[in-house]
Amino acid sequence: MKPEWFKLENNIYWIGGSSCSGKSSCAKLLAEHNNYVLYKTDDYAFGKYMFGLANIQDYPAIEKYKNQICEGVKSFIERDTNISYRSFIDYCHEVFPFLLSDVIELSKRNSVIVEGAHILPELLANNGINERAIFLISTEDQQRTIWIKEMNKEILGGNEHEINDYRQTANKKAFEDARIGLHQKIADHIRVESIKNGQEYMLVTNDTSVTKVQDAVESYFHLL
């Protein structure tokens, strides 16, 4: 039996996917063009539901991932990529009910575009959501190209904290390799799980234009 809130699902649009795939730009444009509310999971998962939880000890996966972030770049570079990957996935699973609750409340008054790396295919499937969801998955080359440009502020985007860390890190190549390695594992996870759950995904390469990504997502969602 589907949950009571499921009847609201027809005005919620989910854009998940891996880093540097264009999901943020696409979601912003779609929200503006259709006058929908934009809910960026980063703003809440890395803010209110990580650094604002008074009872964070009750959420071990969130607390663990928060501690790993606070350990800094040196620890991130030295940490086994598989450990960072598993921590991120566990954290997404634990934080998702908070994000879903926000989105459900917003959808009572508005149509909502939800965007972020925390939207894993299995989390939507576990909540009966397979339609109105698409995942944008960047290839390793695409991810590396875009991330380096973001870190050097050659293009818009990127997290300011990560940009500052990159600028202050002596071994930028080690940081780059660790970062790309982690997010490639996340990209592979999203691809495998989206196929497993019969969900739509699009592979984004260096040759894929922003316009092509936007057109594909608009077409899938039947938006103008």
N, C-alpha and C. Protein backbone atom coordinates (compact mmCIF):
# COMPACT_ATOMS: atom_id res chain seq x y z
N MET A 1 0.84 -1.21 0.00
CA MET A 1 0.00 0.00 0.00
C MET A 1 0.88 1.26 0.00
N LYS A 2 0.56 2.19 -0.88
CA LYS A 2 1.35 3.42 -0.95
C LYS A 2 1.04 4.33 0.23
N PRO A 3 2.06 5.11 0.68
CA PRO A 3 1.82 6.01 1.81
C PRO A 3 0.78 7.07 1.47
N GLU A 4 0.18 7.66 2.51
CA GLU A 4 -0.90 8.63 2.34
C GLU A 4 -0.48 9.81 1.49
N TRP A 5 0.79 10.25 1.66
CA TRP A 5 1.24 11.44 0.95
C TRP A 5 1.43 11.20 -0.55
N PHE A 6 1.38 9.92 -1.00
CA PHE A 6 1.75 9.60 -2.36
C PHE A 6 0.88 10.30 -3.40
N LYS A 7 -0.35 10.65 -3.03
CA LYS A 7 -1.23 11.34 -3.98
C LYS A 7 -0.66 12.70 -4.38
N LEU A 8 0.30 13.22 -3.59
CA LEU A 8 0.92 14.51 -3.89
C LEU A 8 2.09 14.36 -4.85
N GLU A 9 2.49 13.11 -5.10
CA GLU A 9 3.71 12.87 -5.85
C GLU A 9 3.66 13.40 -7.27
N ASN A 10 2.45 13.64 -7.79
CA ASN A 10 2.36 14.08 -9.18
C ASN A 10 2.79 15.53 -9.38
N ASN A 11 3.13 16.25 -8.34
CA ASN A 11 3.67 17.60 -8.54
C ASN A 11 5.06 17.74 -7.91
N ILE A 12 5.76 16.60 -7.76
CA ILE A 12 7.15 16.60 -7.29
C ILE A 12 8.01 15.99 -8.39
N TYR A 13 9.07 16.70 -8.77
CA TYR A 13 9.98 16.24 -9.81
C TYR A 13 11.38 16.08 -9.20
N TRP A 14 11.95 14.90 -9.38
CA TRP A 14 13.21 14.56 -8.73
C TRP A 14 14.34 14.52 -9.76
N ILE A 15 15.42 15.28 -9.49
CA ILE A 15 16.61 15.23 -10.35
C ILE A 15 17.79 14.87 -9.46
N GLY A 16 18.16 13.60 -9.52
CA GLY A 16 19.32 13.13 -8.77
C GLY A 16 20.49 12.92 -9.70
N GLY A 17 21.55 12.39 -9.17
CA GLY A 17 22.69 12.10 -10.02
C GLY A 17 24.02 12.40 -9.38
N SER A 18 25.05 12.21 -10.14
CA SER A 18 26.41 12.35 -9.62
C SER A 18 26.92 13.78 -9.80
N SER A 19 28.07 14.02 -9.22
CA SER A 19 28.69 15.34 -9.26
C SER A 19 29.03 15.75 -10.68
N CYS A 20 28.90 17.06 -10.95
CA CYS A 20 29.31 17.66 -12.23
C CYS A 20 28.53 17.11 -13.42
N SER A 21 27.29 16.73 -13.20
CA SER A 21 26.46 16.19 -14.29
C SER A 21 25.48 17.22 -14.84
N GLY A 22 25.41 18.40 -14.22
CA GLY A 22 24.52 19.45 -14.69
C GLY A 22 23.16 19.47 -14.01
N LYS A 23 22.99 18.67 -12.97
CA LYS A 23 21.67 18.57 -12.34
C LYS A 23 21.25 19.88 -11.66
N SER A 24 22.21 20.60 -11.06
CA SER A 24 21.87 21.86 -10.39
C SER A 24 21.43 22.92 -11.39
N SER A 25 22.18 23.06 -12.47
CA SER A 25 21.83 24.04 -13.51
C SER A 25 20.49 23.72 -14.14
N CYS A 26 20.28 22.43 -14.43
CA CYS A 26 19.03 21.99 -15.06
C CYS A 26 17.85 22.24 -14.13
N ALA A 27 17.99 21.90 -12.87
CA ALA A 27 16.90 22.08 -11.91
C ALA A 27 16.55 23.56 -11.74
N LYS A 28 17.56 24.40 -11.70
CA LYS A 28 17.34 25.84 -11.55
C LYS A 28 16.56 26.40 -12.73
N LEU A 29 16.94 26.01 -13.94
CA LEU A 29 16.26 26.49 -15.14
C LEU A 29 14.82 25.99 -15.19
N LEU A 30 14.60 24.73 -14.86
CA LEU A 30 13.25 24.17 -14.89
C LEU A 30 12.35 24.85 -13.86
N ALA A 31 12.89 25.09 -12.68
CA ALA A 31 12.10 25.74 -11.64
C ALA A 31 11.72 27.16 -12.06
N GLU A 32 12.66 27.88 -12.65
CA GLU A 32 12.39 29.25 -13.09
C GLU A 32 11.39 29.28 -14.23
N HIS A 33 11.55 28.40 -15.21
CA HIS A 33 10.68 28.39 -16.39
C HIS A 33 9.24 28.01 -16.06
N ASN A 34 9.09 27.16 -15.05
CA ASN A 34 7.75 26.66 -14.72
C ASN A 34 7.17 27.26 -13.44
N ASN A 35 7.94 28.19 -12.84
CA ASN A 35 7.49 28.84 -11.60
C ASN A 35 7.25 27.82 -10.49
N TYR A 36 8.17 26.85 -10.39
CA TYR A 36 8.10 25.84 -9.34
C TYR A 36 9.08 26.19 -8.23
N VAL A 37 8.86 25.65 -7.06
CA VAL A 37 9.80 25.80 -5.95
C VAL A 37 10.99 24.87 -6.20
N LEU A 38 12.20 25.37 -5.95
CA LEU A 38 13.41 24.56 -6.08
C LEU A 38 13.89 24.16 -4.69
N TYR A 39 14.01 22.87 -4.47
CA TYR A 39 14.53 22.34 -3.20
C TYR A 39 15.87 21.67 -3.49
N LYS A 40 16.96 22.30 -3.01
CA LYS A 40 18.30 21.76 -3.22
C LYS A 40 18.71 20.98 -1.97
N THR A 41 18.88 19.69 -2.11
CA THR A 41 19.15 18.87 -0.93
C THR A 41 20.44 19.27 -0.22
N ASP A 42 21.43 19.77 -0.97
CA ASP A 42 22.68 20.20 -0.34
C ASP A 42 22.44 21.24 0.76
N ASP A 43 21.50 22.14 0.52
CA ASP A 43 21.26 23.24 1.46
C ASP A 43 20.75 22.73 2.81
N TYR A 44 20.15 21.56 2.80
CA TYR A 44 19.56 21.02 4.03
C TYR A 44 20.37 19.84 4.58
N ALA A 45 20.78 18.95 3.71
CA ALA A 45 21.54 17.78 4.16
C ALA A 45 22.89 18.17 4.74
N PHE A 46 23.52 19.18 4.16
CA PHE A 46 24.81 19.64 4.66
C PHE A 46 24.68 20.81 5.63
N GLY A 47 23.45 21.24 5.87
CA GLY A 47 23.23 22.36 6.79
C GLY A 47 22.40 21.93 7.97
N LYS A 48 21.11 22.19 7.86
CA LYS A 48 20.15 21.94 8.94
C LYS A 48 20.21 20.51 9.48
N TYR A 49 20.34 19.52 8.58
CA TYR A 49 20.28 18.13 9.01
C TYR A 49 21.65 17.49 9.19
N MET A 50 22.68 18.32 9.29
CA MET A 50 24.00 17.82 9.67
C MET A 50 24.55 18.64 10.82
N PHE A 51 24.64 19.95 10.60
CA PHE A 51 25.22 20.81 11.62
C PHE A 51 24.18 21.43 12.54
N GLY A 52 22.90 21.17 12.26
CA GLY A 52 21.85 21.76 13.07
C GLY A 52 21.07 20.76 13.91
N LEU A 53 21.46 19.49 13.86
CA LEU A 53 20.75 18.47 14.63
C LEU A 53 21.22 18.46 16.07
N ALA A 54 20.33 18.82 16.98
CA ALA A 54 20.69 18.83 18.40
C ALA A 54 20.92 17.41 18.92
N ASN A 55 20.21 16.44 18.35
CA ASN A 55 20.31 15.05 18.79
C ASN A 55 21.04 14.20 17.76
N ILE A 56 22.13 14.74 17.22
CA ILE A 56 22.84 14.05 16.13
C ILE A 56 23.35 12.68 16.58
N GLN A 57 23.55 12.50 17.88
CA GLN A 57 24.01 11.19 18.37
C GLN A 57 23.01 10.09 18.10
N ASP A 58 21.77 10.46 17.83
CA ASP A 58 20.74 9.47 17.50
C ASP A 58 20.80 9.05 16.04
N TYR A 59 21.67 9.69 15.27
CA TYR A 59 21.79 9.41 13.84
C TYR A 59 23.26 9.12 13.53
N PRO A 60 23.70 7.89 13.79
CA PRO A 60 25.13 7.57 13.70
C PRO A 60 25.74 7.76 12.32
N ALA A 61 24.98 7.52 11.25
CA ALA A 61 25.53 7.68 9.90
C ALA A 61 25.76 9.15 9.58
N ILE A 62 24.81 10.01 9.99
CA ILE A 62 24.98 11.45 9.78
C ILE A 62 26.16 11.96 10.61
N GLU A 63 26.23 11.53 11.86
CA GLU A 63 27.33 11.97 12.73
C GLU A 63 28.68 11.52 12.20
N LYS A 64 28.74 10.28 11.72
CA LYS A 64 30.00 9.76 11.18
C LYS A 64 30.46 10.56 9.96
N TYR A 65 29.52 10.85 9.06
CA TYR A 65 29.89 11.59 7.85
C TYR A 65 30.28 13.03 8.19
N LYS A 66 29.57 13.63 9.12
CA LYS A 66 29.92 14.97 9.58
C LYS A 66 31.34 14.99 10.13
N ASN A 67 31.69 14.01 10.95
CA ASN A 67 33.02 13.95 11.54
C ASN A 67 34.09 13.78 10.46
N GLN A 68 33.79 12.98 9.45
CA GLN A 68 34.75 12.80 8.36
C GLN A 68 34.98 14.11 7.62
N ILE A 69 33.91 14.87 7.39
CA ILE A 69 34.05 16.17 6.73
C ILE A 69 34.90 17.11 7.57
N CYS A 70 34.64 17.13 8.88
CA CYS A 70 35.35 18.04 9.78
C CYS A 70 36.82 17.67 9.97
N GLU A 71 37.17 16.44 9.63
CA GLU A 71 38.57 16.02 9.74
C GLU A 71 39.46 16.69 8.70
N GLY A 72 38.86 17.21 7.64
CA GLY A 72 39.61 17.99 6.67
C GLY A 72 40.14 17.21 5.48
N VAL A 73 40.81 17.94 4.60
CA VAL A 73 41.25 17.40 3.31
C VAL A 73 42.33 16.33 3.47
N LYS A 74 43.28 16.56 4.39
CA LYS A 74 44.39 15.60 4.56
C LYS A 74 43.84 14.21 4.89
N SER A 75 42.90 14.16 5.83
CA SER A 75 42.30 12.88 6.20
C SER A 75 41.50 12.28 5.05
N PHE A 76 40.82 13.15 4.29
CA PHE A 76 40.04 12.69 3.14
C PHE A 76 40.95 12.04 2.11
N ILE A 77 42.10 12.66 1.82
CA ILE A 77 43.03 12.12 0.84
C ILE A 77 43.59 10.78 1.30
N GLU A 78 43.87 10.66 2.60
CA GLU A 78 44.50 9.44 3.13
C GLU A 78 43.49 8.32 3.37
N ARG A 79 42.22 8.66 3.50
CA ARG A 79 41.19 7.66 3.80
C ARG A 79 40.92 6.76 2.57
N ASP A 80 40.69 5.49 2.81
CA ASP A 80 40.33 4.57 1.73
C ASP A 80 39.05 5.05 1.07
N THR A 81 39.04 5.12 -0.25
CA THR A 81 37.89 5.63 -0.99
C THR A 81 36.63 4.82 -0.69
N ASN A 82 36.79 3.53 -0.49
CA ASN A 82 35.63 2.69 -0.20
C ASN A 82 34.97 3.07 1.12
N ILE A 83 35.77 3.51 2.08
CA ILE A 83 35.23 3.94 3.38
C ILE A 83 34.44 5.22 3.20
N SER A 84 35.00 6.18 2.46
CA SER A 84 34.29 7.44 2.20
C SER A 84 33.00 7.20 1.44
N TYR A 85 33.06 6.30 0.46
CA TYR A 85 31.88 5.97 -0.34
C TYR A 85 30.78 5.36 0.52
N ARG A 86 31.15 4.37 1.34
CA ARG A 86 30.14 3.70 2.17
C ARG A 86 29.53 4.66 3.17
N SER A 87 30.37 5.55 3.73
CA SER A 87 29.87 6.54 4.69
C SER A 87 28.87 7.48 4.04
N PHE A 88 29.15 7.88 2.79
CA PHE A 88 28.25 8.78 2.08
C PHE A 88 26.91 8.10 1.81
N ILE A 89 26.93 6.86 1.35
CA ILE A 89 25.69 6.15 1.05
C ILE A 89 24.86 5.96 2.32
N ASP A 90 25.50 5.55 3.40
CA ASP A 90 24.79 5.36 4.67
C ASP A 90 24.19 6.67 5.16
N TYR A 91 24.96 7.74 5.01
CA TYR A 91 24.49 9.08 5.39
C TYR A 91 23.27 9.49 4.57
N CYS A 92 23.29 9.24 3.27
CA CYS A 92 22.14 9.57 2.42
C CYS A 92 20.89 8.83 2.87
N HIS A 93 21.06 7.57 3.22
CA HIS A 93 19.91 6.78 3.67
C HIS A 93 19.33 7.33 4.97
N GLU A 94 20.20 7.81 5.85
CA GLU A 94 19.71 8.29 7.15
C GLU A 94 19.12 9.69 7.07
N VAL A 95 19.64 10.52 6.16
CA VAL A 95 19.16 11.90 6.06
C VAL A 95 17.93 12.03 5.17
N PHE A 96 17.70 11.05 4.30
CA PHE A 96 16.63 11.18 3.32
C PHE A 96 15.24 11.38 3.93
N PRO A 97 14.86 10.71 5.02
CA PRO A 97 13.53 10.95 5.60
C PRO A 97 13.30 12.41 5.98
N PHE A 98 14.34 13.10 6.43
CA PHE A 98 14.23 14.53 6.74
C PHE A 98 13.93 15.32 5.47
N LEU A 99 14.67 15.02 4.41
CA LEU A 99 14.50 15.73 3.14
C LEU A 99 13.12 15.46 2.55
N LEU A 100 12.69 14.20 2.60
CA LEU A 100 11.39 13.83 2.06
C LEU A 100 10.26 14.54 2.80
N SER A 101 10.39 14.66 4.11
CA SER A 101 9.39 15.36 4.90
C SER A 101 9.27 16.82 4.47
N ASP A 102 10.41 17.47 4.23
CA ASP A 102 10.40 18.86 3.74
C ASP A 102 9.68 18.97 2.41
N VAL A 103 10.03 18.07 1.50
CA VAL A 103 9.48 18.11 0.14
C VAL A 103 7.97 17.87 0.15
N ILE A 104 7.53 16.93 0.94
CA ILE A 104 6.10 16.65 1.05
C ILE A 104 5.36 17.90 1.52
N GLU A 105 5.91 18.57 2.51
CA GLU A 105 5.25 19.77 3.05
C GLU A 105 5.19 20.87 1.99
N LEU A 106 6.29 21.05 1.25
CA LEU A 106 6.31 22.06 0.19
C LEU A 106 5.31 21.74 -0.91
N SER A 107 5.16 20.46 -1.22
CA SER A 107 4.31 20.05 -2.34
C SER A 107 2.82 20.23 -2.05
N LYS A 108 2.48 20.49 -0.81
CA LYS A 108 1.08 20.75 -0.47
C LYS A 108 0.62 22.10 -1.01
N ARG A 109 1.58 22.98 -1.28
CA ARG A 109 1.25 24.34 -1.73
C ARG A 109 1.80 24.67 -3.11
N ASN A 110 2.83 23.93 -3.54
CA ASN A 110 3.50 24.26 -4.80
C ASN A 110 3.97 22.98 -5.49
N SER A 111 4.22 23.11 -6.79
CA SER A 111 4.97 22.06 -7.47
C SER A 111 6.44 22.27 -7.13
N VAL A 112 7.18 21.17 -6.99
CA VAL A 112 8.54 21.24 -6.47
C VAL A 112 9.52 20.50 -7.38
N ILE A 113 10.64 21.14 -7.68
CA ILE A 113 11.78 20.49 -8.31
C ILE A 113 12.77 20.18 -7.19
N VAL A 114 13.08 18.90 -7.02
CA VAL A 114 14.03 18.49 -5.99
C VAL A 114 15.33 18.07 -6.68
N GLU A 115 16.45 18.61 -6.22
CA GLU A 115 17.73 18.34 -6.88
C GLU A 115 18.79 18.04 -5.85
N GLY A 116 19.64 17.05 -6.16
CA GLY A 116 20.76 16.80 -5.27
C GLY A 116 21.33 15.40 -5.36
N ALA A 117 22.56 15.26 -4.89
CA ALA A 117 23.25 13.97 -4.90
C ALA A 117 22.70 13.02 -3.85
N HIS A 118 21.91 13.55 -2.92
CA HIS A 118 21.35 12.72 -1.85
C HIS A 118 20.13 11.92 -2.31
N ILE A 119 19.68 12.16 -3.53
CA ILE A 119 18.51 11.44 -4.07
C ILE A 119 19.01 10.17 -4.73
N LEU A 120 19.16 9.12 -3.97
CA LEU A 120 19.61 7.85 -4.52
C LEU A 120 18.42 7.06 -5.07
N PRO A 121 18.62 6.31 -6.15
CA PRO A 121 17.50 5.58 -6.76
C PRO A 121 16.76 4.66 -5.79
N GLU A 122 17.50 3.95 -4.95
CA GLU A 122 16.85 3.00 -4.04
C GLU A 122 16.00 3.71 -2.99
N LEU A 123 16.36 4.95 -2.64
CA LEU A 123 15.58 5.70 -1.65
C LEU A 123 14.22 6.09 -2.22
N LEU A 124 14.21 6.49 -3.49
CA LEU A 124 12.93 6.80 -4.13
C LEU A 124 12.11 5.52 -4.30
N ALA A 125 12.76 4.46 -4.76
CA ALA A 125 12.05 3.19 -4.97
C ALA A 125 11.45 2.67 -3.67
N ASN A 126 12.21 2.81 -2.58
CA ASN A 126 11.72 2.34 -1.28
C ASN A 126 10.49 3.11 -0.81
N ASN A 127 10.29 4.30 -1.37
CA ASN A 127 9.13 5.12 -1.02
C ASN A 127 8.08 5.13 -2.12
N GLY A 128 8.18 4.17 -3.03
CA GLY A 128 7.17 4.02 -4.08
C GLY A 128 7.27 5.04 -5.19
N ILE A 129 8.44 5.69 -5.34
CA ILE A 129 8.61 6.73 -6.36
C ILE A 129 9.50 6.21 -7.48
N ASN A 130 8.96 5.99 -8.64
CA ASN A 130 9.75 5.62 -9.80
C ASN A 130 9.52 6.57 -10.96
N GLU A 131 8.34 7.17 -11.01
CA GLU A 131 8.04 8.14 -12.05
C GLU A 131 8.44 9.54 -11.59
N ARG A 132 8.53 10.46 -12.56
CA ARG A 132 8.92 11.85 -12.29
C ARG A 132 10.26 11.94 -11.55
N ALA A 133 11.15 11.01 -11.88
CA ALA A 133 12.49 11.01 -11.31
C ALA A 133 13.49 10.65 -12.40
N ILE A 134 14.56 11.41 -12.48
CA ILE A 134 15.60 11.13 -13.47
C ILE A 134 16.95 11.35 -12.81
N PHE A 135 17.94 10.57 -13.24
CA PHE A 135 19.28 10.66 -12.68
C PHE A 135 20.27 11.02 -13.79
N LEU A 136 21.06 12.05 -13.54
CA LEU A 136 22.09 12.50 -14.47
C LEU A 136 23.43 11.99 -13.95
N ILE A 137 24.11 11.22 -14.77
CA ILE A 137 25.34 10.56 -14.33
C ILE A 137 26.50 11.01 -15.21
N SER A 138 27.50 11.62 -14.60
CA SER A 138 28.65 12.11 -15.34
C SER A 138 29.70 11.01 -15.50
N THR A 139 30.35 11.00 -16.66
CA THR A 139 31.49 10.11 -16.85
C THR A 139 32.66 10.66 -16.05
N GLU A 140 33.68 9.84 -15.86
CA GLU A 140 34.85 10.30 -15.09
C GLU A 140 35.52 11.50 -15.76
N ASP A 141 35.66 11.46 -17.09
CA ASP A 141 36.28 12.58 -17.81
C ASP A 141 35.48 13.86 -17.64
N GLN A 142 34.16 13.76 -17.76
CA GLN A 142 33.29 14.92 -17.60
C GLN A 142 33.41 15.49 -16.19
N GLN A 143 33.37 14.59 -15.22
CA GLN A 143 33.45 15.02 -13.83
C GLN A 143 34.77 15.75 -13.56
N ARG A 144 35.86 15.19 -14.04
CA ARG A 144 37.18 15.78 -13.80
C ARG A 144 37.28 17.16 -14.47
N THR A 145 36.83 17.22 -15.71
CA THR A 145 36.91 18.48 -16.47
C THR A 145 36.13 19.60 -15.77
N ILE A 146 34.89 19.31 -15.40
CA ILE A 146 34.04 20.33 -14.78
C ILE A 146 34.54 20.69 -13.40
N TRP A 147 34.94 19.69 -12.60
CA TRP A 147 35.38 19.96 -11.23
C TRP A 147 36.60 20.86 -11.19
N ILE A 148 37.57 20.59 -12.05
CA ILE A 148 38.78 21.42 -12.08
C ILE A 148 38.43 22.86 -12.47
N LYS A 149 37.53 23.01 -13.42
CA LYS A 149 37.11 24.37 -13.81
C LYS A 149 36.40 25.07 -12.67
N GLU A 150 35.57 24.33 -11.92
CA GLU A 150 34.89 24.92 -10.77
C GLU A 150 35.88 25.33 -9.69
N MET A 151 36.85 24.48 -9.42
CA MET A 151 37.84 24.77 -8.37
C MET A 151 38.67 26.00 -8.72
N ASN A 152 38.92 26.21 -10.01
CA ASN A 152 39.69 27.37 -10.47
C ASN A 152 38.81 28.56 -10.82
N LYS A 153 37.50 28.41 -10.56
CA LYS A 153 36.51 29.46 -10.82
C LYS A 153 36.49 29.91 -12.27
N GLU A 154 36.75 28.96 -13.15
CA GLU A 154 36.65 29.26 -14.58
C GLU A 154 35.19 29.23 -15.02
N ILE A 155 34.38 28.51 -14.28
CA ILE A 155 32.93 28.45 -14.53
C ILE A 155 32.21 28.58 -13.20
N LEU A 156 30.92 28.91 -13.27
CA LEU A 156 30.12 28.98 -12.06
C LEU A 156 29.87 27.58 -11.52
N GLY A 157 29.65 27.51 -10.22
CA GLY A 157 29.38 26.22 -9.59
C GLY A 157 30.46 25.88 -8.59
N GLY A 158 30.30 24.74 -7.99
CA GLY A 158 31.27 24.31 -6.99
C GLY A 158 30.92 24.82 -5.60
N ASN A 159 31.33 24.09 -4.62
CA ASN A 159 31.10 24.44 -3.23
C ASN A 159 32.24 25.35 -2.75
N GLU A 160 31.89 26.49 -2.14
CA GLU A 160 32.90 27.47 -1.73
C GLU A 160 33.89 26.87 -0.73
N HIS A 161 33.40 26.04 0.19
CA HIS A 161 34.30 25.41 1.16
C HIS A 161 35.28 24.49 0.46
N GLU A 162 34.78 23.74 -0.54
CA GLU A 162 35.65 22.84 -1.28
C GLU A 162 36.66 23.62 -2.12
N ILE A 163 36.22 24.74 -2.70
CA ILE A 163 37.12 25.59 -3.48
C ILE A 163 38.24 26.13 -2.59
N ASN A 164 37.90 26.57 -1.40
CA ASN A 164 38.92 27.07 -0.46
C ASN A 164 39.87 25.96 -0.05
N ASP A 165 39.32 24.76 0.20
CA ASP A 165 40.18 23.62 0.55
C ASP A 165 41.14 23.31 -0.59
N TYR A 166 40.64 23.35 -1.81
CA TYR A 166 41.47 23.05 -2.98
C TYR A 166 42.60 24.06 -3.11
N ARG A 167 42.29 25.31 -2.92
CA ARG A 167 43.30 26.37 -3.05
C ARG A 167 44.38 26.27 -1.98
N GLN A 168 43.99 25.80 -0.80
CA GLN A 168 44.92 25.76 0.33
C GLN A 168 45.67 24.43 0.42
N THR A 169 45.27 23.44 -0.39
CA THR A 169 45.90 22.13 -0.33
C THR A 169 47.18 22.11 -1.15
N ALA A 170 48.25 21.62 -0.52
CA ALA A 170 49.55 21.59 -1.21
C ALA A 170 49.54 20.57 -2.35
N ASN A 171 48.99 19.40 -2.10
CA ASN A 171 48.97 18.35 -3.12
C ASN A 171 47.60 18.32 -3.79
N LYS A 172 47.41 19.23 -4.74
CA LYS A 172 46.11 19.34 -5.42
C LYS A 172 45.78 18.09 -6.24
N LYS A 173 46.79 17.45 -6.80
CA LYS A 173 46.54 16.25 -7.62
C LYS A 173 46.00 15.11 -6.75
N ALA A 174 46.54 14.97 -5.53
CA ALA A 174 46.05 13.92 -4.63
C ALA A 174 44.61 14.21 -4.22
N PHE A 175 44.30 15.48 -3.98
CA PHE A 175 42.93 15.88 -3.64
C PHE A 175 42.00 15.58 -4.81
N GLU A 176 42.43 15.95 -6.00
CA GLU A 176 41.63 15.70 -7.21
C GLU A 176 41.34 14.22 -7.39
N ASP A 177 42.38 13.39 -7.27
CA ASP A 177 42.21 11.95 -7.48
C ASP A 177 41.29 11.33 -6.44
N ALA A 178 41.43 11.76 -5.18
CA ALA A 178 40.58 11.23 -4.11
C ALA A 178 39.14 11.65 -4.33
N ARG A 179 38.95 12.89 -4.71
CA ARG A 179 37.61 13.43 -4.91
C ARG A 179 36.93 12.76 -6.11
N ILE A 180 37.65 12.65 -7.22
CA ILE A 180 37.09 12.03 -8.41
C ILE A 180 36.83 10.54 -8.16
N GLY A 181 37.74 9.89 -7.45
CA GLY A 181 37.56 8.47 -7.14
C GLY A 181 36.30 8.22 -6.34
N LEU A 182 36.06 9.05 -5.33
CA LEU A 182 34.85 8.90 -4.51
C LEU A 182 33.60 9.12 -5.34
N HIS A 183 33.57 10.20 -6.09
CA HIS A 183 32.35 10.53 -6.83
C HIS A 183 32.11 9.62 -8.03
N GLN A 184 33.16 8.96 -8.51
CA GLN A 184 32.95 7.96 -9.55
C GLN A 184 32.28 6.73 -8.97
N LYS A 185 32.63 6.38 -7.75
CA LYS A 185 31.95 5.26 -7.07
C LYS A 185 30.48 5.59 -6.83
N ILE A 186 30.22 6.85 -6.46
CA ILE A 186 28.83 7.28 -6.27
C ILE A 186 28.07 7.24 -7.59
N ALA A 187 28.73 7.69 -8.67
CA ALA A 187 28.10 7.65 -10.01
C ALA A 187 27.78 6.21 -10.40
N ASP A 188 28.70 5.29 -10.15
CA ASP A 188 28.46 3.88 -10.47
C ASP A 188 27.30 3.32 -9.65
N HIS A 189 27.24 3.72 -8.39
CA HIS A 189 26.15 3.27 -7.51
C HIS A 189 24.80 3.74 -8.06
N ILE A 190 24.73 4.99 -8.45
CA ILE A 190 23.48 5.54 -8.96
C ILE A 190 23.07 4.85 -10.26
N ARG A 191 24.03 4.59 -11.14
CA ARG A 191 23.72 3.91 -12.41
C ARG A 191 23.18 2.51 -12.15
N VAL A 192 23.88 1.75 -11.31
CA VAL A 192 23.46 0.37 -11.03
C VAL A 192 22.08 0.33 -10.38
N GLU A 193 21.86 1.21 -9.40
CA GLU A 193 20.59 1.20 -8.68
C GLU A 193 19.43 1.71 -9.54
N SER A 194 19.70 2.66 -10.43
CA SER A 194 18.63 3.15 -11.30
C SER A 194 18.20 2.07 -12.29
N ILE A 195 19.16 1.30 -12.80
CA ILE A 195 18.84 0.18 -13.69
C ILE A 195 18.06 -0.88 -12.92
N LYS A 196 18.54 -1.20 -11.74
CA LYS A 196 17.89 -2.22 -10.90
C LYS A 196 16.45 -1.86 -10.59
N ASN A 197 16.18 -0.57 -10.38
CA ASN A 197 14.84 -0.14 -9.98
C ASN A 197 14.01 0.38 -11.14
N GLY A 198 14.52 0.23 -12.36
CA GLY A 198 13.76 0.63 -13.55
C GLY A 198 13.53 2.12 -13.65
N GLN A 199 14.52 2.92 -13.22
CA GLN A 199 14.38 4.37 -13.25
C GLN A 199 15.19 4.98 -14.39
N GLU A 200 14.76 6.14 -14.82
CA GLU A 200 15.37 6.82 -15.96
C GLU A 200 16.72 7.42 -15.56
N TYR A 201 17.73 7.24 -16.43
CA TYR A 201 19.00 7.94 -16.19
C TYR A 201 19.59 8.37 -17.53
N MET A 202 20.45 9.37 -17.45
CA MET A 202 21.10 9.91 -18.65
C MET A 202 22.59 10.04 -18.37
N LEU A 203 23.41 9.52 -19.25
CA LEU A 203 24.85 9.62 -19.12
C LEU A 203 25.32 10.94 -19.72
N VAL A 204 26.07 11.72 -18.94
CA VAL A 204 26.54 13.03 -19.37
C VAL A 204 28.05 12.97 -19.60
N THR A 205 28.46 13.26 -20.83
CA THR A 205 29.88 13.21 -21.20
C THR A 205 30.37 14.63 -21.50
N ASN A 206 31.64 14.74 -21.85
CA ASN A 206 32.21 16.04 -22.22
C ASN A 206 31.53 16.62 -23.46
N ASP A 207 30.91 15.76 -24.24
CA ASP A 207 30.26 16.21 -25.48
C ASP A 207 28.78 16.55 -25.30
N THR A 208 28.27 16.38 -24.09
CA THR A 208 26.85 16.64 -23.84
C THR A 208 26.66 18.09 -23.42
N SER A 209 25.91 18.84 -24.20
CA SER A 209 25.69 20.25 -23.90
C SER A 209 24.64 20.40 -22.80
N VAL A 210 24.69 21.55 -22.12
CA VAL A 210 23.70 21.87 -21.09
C VAL A 210 22.30 21.87 -21.68
N THR A 211 22.18 22.39 -22.91
CA THR A 211 20.89 22.43 -23.60
C THR A 211 20.34 21.03 -23.83
N LYS A 212 21.22 20.11 -24.21
CA LYS A 212 20.79 18.73 -24.45
C LYS A 212 20.28 18.08 -23.16
N VAL A 213 20.98 18.34 -22.05
CA VAL A 213 20.56 17.79 -20.76
C VAL A 213 19.19 18.36 -20.38
N GLN A 214 19.06 19.68 -20.50
CA GLN A 214 17.80 20.33 -20.15
C GLN A 214 16.65 19.83 -21.02
N ASP A 215 16.88 19.72 -22.32
CA ASP A 215 15.83 19.25 -23.23
C ASP A 215 15.40 17.83 -22.87
N ALA A 216 16.36 16.98 -22.54
CA ALA A 216 16.04 15.59 -22.20
C ALA A 216 15.21 15.51 -20.93
N VAL A 217 15.56 16.32 -19.92
CA VAL A 217 14.84 16.29 -18.65
C VAL A 217 13.44 16.88 -18.82
N GLU A 218 13.35 17.99 -19.57
CA GLU A 218 12.03 18.60 -19.83
C GLU A 218 11.12 17.63 -20.56
N SER A 219 11.67 16.93 -21.54
CA SER A 219 10.89 15.97 -22.30
C SER A 219 10.42 14.82 -21.42
N TYR A 220 11.31 14.34 -20.58
CA TYR A 220 10.93 13.23 -19.70
C TYR A 220 9.84 13.62 -18.73
N PHE A 221 9.93 14.86 -18.21
CA PHE A 221 8.94 15.35 -17.26
C PHE A 221 7.69 15.93 -17.95
N HIS A 222 7.73 16.03 -19.28
CA HIS A 222 6.63 16.61 -20.05
C HIS A 222 6.39 18.08 -19.63
N LEU A 223 7.49 18.81 -19.47
CA LEU A 223 7.41 20.22 -19.12
C LEU A 223 7.80 21.06 -20.34
N LEU A 224 7.41 22.34 -20.31
CA LEU A 224 7.74 23.25 -21.39
C LEU A 224 8.92 24.11 -20.99
